[in-house]
Amino acid sequence: MTAPTRKRLPRGAKAFNKIALPLSRHLPIWAELTHVGRKSRREYKTPIAVVKKDDVYNIGLAWGKEADWVRNVMAAGEFTIIQRGKTIVLTNPQILHDPAVSWAPAIGRPILRRQGVTDYIAASPR
């Protein structure tokens, strides 16, 4: 069995993140995710799209399970998001696979499936 390959960030993604991060705290579906580096213990912030279904927050893994922020979140076992100005601590993150992308709103499912975003993190508030 081969190791999962890391998806490469498109050129300009870091510049986009710098612009998107301040906006992500206030826009519907977007949030600012704060996580701590596994080795550096440095705090990082990443803009993400998050969908709340029942009492579970779901985050599609557009860059795959091997993205640094995903690995940091899984190692720490908790992370914080700021969504619409509200700070939420999320715990017990689990990486799940759903080819139907049923965790996402129906309008976004075809796009996520076409982009191969069938893995996601599910986490609950503390």
C-alpha atoms as a PDB file:
ATOM      1  CA  MET A   1       0.000   0.000   0.000  1.00  0.00           C
ATOM      2  CA  THR A   2       1.372   3.417  -0.916  1.00  0.00           C
ATOM      3  CA  ALA A   3       1.406   6.438   1.350  1.00  0.00           C
ATOM      4  CA  PRO A   4      -1.194   9.124   0.619  1.00  0.00           C
ATOM      5  CA  THR A   5       0.115  11.836  -1.652  1.00  0.00           C
ATOM      6  CA  ARG A   6      -0.070  15.441  -0.582  1.00  0.00           C
ATOM      7  CA  LYS A   7      -1.973  17.736  -2.882  1.00  0.00           C
ATOM      8  CA  ARG A   8       0.100  20.706  -3.946  1.00  0.00           C
ATOM      9  CA  LEU A   9      -1.138  24.154  -3.095  1.00  0.00           C
ATOM     10  CA  PRO A  10      -1.858  26.149  -6.228  1.00  0.00           C
ATOM     11  CA  ARG A  11       0.393  29.077  -6.960  1.00  0.00           C
ATOM     12  CA  GLY A  12      -0.887  32.116  -5.111  1.00  0.00           C
ATOM     13  CA  ALA A  13      -2.697  30.127  -2.391  1.00  0.00           C
ATOM     14  CA  LYS A  14      -0.673  31.687   0.421  1.00  0.00           C
ATOM     15  CA  ALA A  15      -1.353  35.190  -0.910  1.00  0.00           C
ATOM     16  CA  PHE A  16      -5.053  34.329  -1.209  1.00  0.00           C
ATOM     17  CA  ASN A  17      -5.071  33.044   2.383  1.00  0.00           C
ATOM     18  CA  LYS A  18      -3.686  36.364   3.650  1.00  0.00           C
ATOM     19  CA  ILE A  19      -6.586  38.177   1.997  1.00  0.00           C
ATOM     20  CA  ALA A  20      -9.232  35.559   2.833  1.00  0.00           C
ATOM     21  CA  LEU A  21      -8.292  35.124   6.495  1.00  0.00           C
ATOM     22  CA  PRO A  22      -9.665  38.443   7.834  1.00  0.00           C
ATOM     23  CA  LEU A  23     -12.852  38.005   5.780  1.00  0.00           C
ATOM     24  CA  SER A  24     -13.350  34.359   6.767  1.00  0.00           C
ATOM     25  CA  ARG A  25     -14.327  35.275  10.331  1.00  0.00           C
ATOM     26  CA  HIS A  26     -17.454  37.073   9.156  1.00  0.00           C
ATOM     27  CA  LEU A  27     -18.726  35.379   5.981  1.00  0.00           C
ATOM     28  CA  PRO A  28     -21.338  32.610   5.983  1.00  0.00           C
ATOM     29  CA  ILE A  29     -19.831  29.103   5.641  1.00  0.00           C
ATOM     30  CA  TRP A  30     -16.280  30.476   6.092  1.00  0.00           C
ATOM     31  CA  ALA A  31     -14.289  30.452   9.328  1.00  0.00           C
ATOM     32  CA  GLU A  32     -10.807  31.125  10.664  1.00  0.00           C
ATOM     33  CA  LEU A  33      -9.269  27.910  12.012  1.00  0.00           C
ATOM     34  CA  THR A  34      -6.535  28.230  14.663  1.00  0.00           C
ATOM     35  CA  HIS A  35      -4.223  25.259  15.170  1.00  0.00           C
ATOM     36  CA  VAL A  36      -0.848  24.595  16.802  1.00  0.00           C
ATOM     37  CA  GLY A  37       2.166  23.180  14.960  1.00  0.00           C
ATOM     38  CA  ARG A  38       3.065  19.615  15.918  1.00  0.00           C
ATOM     39  CA  LYS A  39       6.774  20.347  16.312  1.00  0.00           C
ATOM     40  CA  SER A  40       7.084  24.128  16.410  1.00  0.00           C
ATOM     41  CA  ARG A  41       4.192  24.658  18.866  1.00  0.00           C
ATOM     42  CA  ARG A  42       3.597  27.835  16.864  1.00  0.00           C
ATOM     43  CA  GLU A  43       0.006  29.014  16.403  1.00  0.00           C
ATOM     44  CA  TYR A  44      -1.286  29.102  12.816  1.00  0.00           C
ATOM     45  CA  LYS A  45      -4.488  30.457  11.297  1.00  0.00           C
ATOM     46  CA  THR A  46      -6.104  29.007   8.178  1.00  0.00           C
ATOM     47  CA  PRO A  47      -9.254  30.099   6.310  1.00  0.00           C
ATOM     48  CA  ILE A  48     -11.671  27.188   5.857  1.00  0.00           C
ATOM     49  CA  ALA A  49     -15.212  26.452   4.745  1.00  0.00           C
ATOM     50  CA  VAL A  50     -17.177  24.788   7.543  1.00  0.00           C
ATOM     51  CA  VAL A  51     -20.667  23.297   7.575  1.00  0.00           C
ATOM     52  CA  LYS A  52     -22.570  22.692  10.809  1.00  0.00           C
ATOM     53  CA  LYS A  53     -24.931  19.728  10.683  1.00  0.00           C
ATOM     54  CA  ASP A  54     -26.810  18.974  13.897  1.00  0.00           C
ATOM     55  CA  ASP A  55     -24.136  19.618  16.569  1.00  0.00           C
ATOM     56  CA  VAL A  56     -21.175  18.576  14.404  1.00  0.00           C
ATOM     57  CA  TYR A  57     -18.898  20.914  12.461  1.00  0.00           C
ATOM     58  CA  ASN A  58     -17.693  19.473   9.126  1.00  0.00           C
ATOM     59  CA  ILE A  59     -14.702  20.728   7.142  1.00  0.00           C
ATOM     60  CA  GLY A  60     -13.959  19.427   3.646  1.00  0.00           C
ATOM     61  CA  LEU A  61     -10.335  18.471   3.040  1.00  0.00           C
ATOM     62  CA  ALA A  62      -9.714  20.148  -0.318  1.00  0.00           C
ATOM     63  CA  TRP A  63      -5.934  19.703   0.072  1.00  0.00           C
ATOM     64  CA  GLY A  64      -6.192  16.160   1.422  1.00  0.00           C
ATOM     65  CA  LYS A  65      -5.598  14.422   4.733  1.00  0.00           C
ATOM     66  CA  GLU A  66      -1.883  15.191   4.645  1.00  0.00           C
ATOM     67  CA  ALA A  67      -2.194  18.988   4.683  1.00  0.00           C
ATOM     68  CA  ASP A  68      -0.189  20.460   7.560  1.00  0.00           C
ATOM     69  CA  TRP A  69      -3.211  22.030   9.233  1.00  0.00           C
ATOM     70  CA  VAL A  70      -5.075  18.699   9.142  1.00  0.00           C
ATOM     71  CA  ARG A  71      -2.129  16.844  10.662  1.00  0.00           C
ATOM     72  CA  ASN A  72      -1.792  19.546  13.358  1.00  0.00           C
ATOM     73  CA  VAL A  73      -5.493  19.366  14.245  1.00  0.00           C
ATOM     74  CA  MET A  74      -5.448  15.565  14.456  1.00  0.00           C
ATOM     75  CA  ALA A  75      -2.300  15.538  16.619  1.00  0.00           C
ATOM     76  CA  ALA A  76      -3.694  18.141  19.039  1.00  0.00           C
ATOM     77  CA  GLY A  77      -7.166  16.612  19.279  1.00  0.00           C
ATOM     78  CA  GLU A  78      -8.782  20.048  19.338  1.00  0.00           C
ATOM     79  CA  PHE A  79      -8.807  23.367  17.513  1.00  0.00           C
ATOM     80  CA  THR A  80     -10.619  26.685  17.476  1.00  0.00           C
ATOM     81  CA  ILE A  81     -12.669  28.352  14.783  1.00  0.00           C
ATOM     82  CA  ILE A  82     -14.023  31.873  14.564  1.00  0.00           C
ATOM     83  CA  GLN A  83     -17.204  31.891  12.514  1.00  0.00           C
ATOM     84  CA  ARG A  84     -19.366  34.996  12.110  1.00  0.00           C
ATOM     85  CA  GLY A  85     -17.451  36.608  14.970  1.00  0.00           C
ATOM     86  CA  LYS A  86     -18.103  33.729  17.390  1.00  0.00           C
ATOM     87  CA  THR A  87     -15.200  31.663  18.817  1.00  0.00           C
ATOM     88  CA  ILE A  88     -15.877  27.915  19.032  1.00  0.00           C
ATOM     89  CA  VAL A  89     -13.510  25.289  20.487  1.00  0.00           C
ATOM     90  CA  LEU A  90     -13.901  21.966  18.670  1.00  0.00           C
ATOM     91  CA  THR A  91     -12.678  18.622  19.995  1.00  0.00           C
ATOM     92  CA  ASN A  92     -12.388  14.982  18.992  1.00  0.00           C
ATOM     93  CA  PRO A  93     -11.732  15.614  15.298  1.00  0.00           C
ATOM     94  CA  GLN A  94     -12.259  12.589  13.087  1.00  0.00           C
ATOM     95  CA  ILE A  95     -11.311  12.202   9.441  1.00  0.00           C
ATOM     96  CA  LEU A  96     -14.215  10.603   7.614  1.00  0.00           C
ATOM     97  CA  HIS A  97     -14.731   9.516   3.996  1.00  0.00           C
ATOM     98  CA  ASP A  98     -18.049  10.092   2.241  1.00  0.00           C
ATOM     99  CA  PRO A  99     -18.148   9.704  -1.574  1.00  0.00           C
ATOM    100  CA  ALA A 100     -21.713  11.104  -1.551  1.00  0.00           C
ATOM    101  CA  VAL A 101     -20.516  14.223   0.344  1.00  0.00           C
ATOM    102  CA  SER A 102     -23.750  14.074   2.369  1.00  0.00           C
ATOM    103  CA  TRP A 103     -22.230  16.274   5.096  1.00  0.00           C
ATOM    104  CA  ALA A 104     -22.304  19.280   2.725  1.00  0.00           C
ATOM    105  CA  PRO A 105     -25.291  21.317   1.530  1.00  0.00           C
ATOM    106  CA  ALA A 106     -26.939  19.799  -1.557  1.00  0.00           C
ATOM    107  CA  ILE A 107     -26.024  22.796  -3.716  1.00  0.00           C
ATOM    108  CA  GLY A 108     -22.285  22.265  -3.100  1.00  0.00           C
ATOM    109  CA  ARG A 109     -22.109  18.474  -3.375  1.00  0.00           C
ATOM    110  CA  PRO A 110     -21.591  18.205  -7.159  1.00  0.00           C
ATOM    111  CA  ILE A 111     -18.707  20.692  -7.022  1.00  0.00           C
ATOM    112  CA  LEU A 112     -17.047  18.926  -4.087  1.00  0.00           C
ATOM    113  CA  ARG A 113     -17.426  15.512  -5.757  1.00  0.00           C
ATOM    114  CA  ARG A 114     -16.006  16.861  -9.032  1.00  0.00           C
ATOM    115  CA  GLN A 115     -13.012  18.241  -7.116  1.00  0.00           C
ATOM    116  CA  GLY A 116     -12.556  14.938  -5.270  1.00  0.00           C
ATOM    117  CA  VAL A 117     -13.296  16.407  -1.829  1.00  0.00           C
ATOM    118  CA  THR A 118     -14.781  13.251  -0.309  1.00  0.00           C
ATOM    119  CA  ASP A 119     -12.762  13.325   2.930  1.00  0.00           C
ATOM    120  CA  TYR A 120     -13.676  15.701   5.721  1.00  0.00           C
ATOM    121  CA  ILE A 121     -13.066  16.416   9.388  1.00  0.00           C
ATOM    122  CA  ALA A 122     -16.014  16.145  11.766  1.00  0.00           C
ATOM    123  CA  ALA A 123     -15.622  17.704  15.228  1.00  0.00           C
ATOM    124  CA  SER A 124     -17.890  18.619  18.127  1.00  0.00           C
ATOM    125  CA  PRO A 125     -17.915  21.701  20.354  1.00  0.00           C
ATOM    126  CA  ARG A 126     -16.312  21.384  23.753  1.00  0.00           C
END
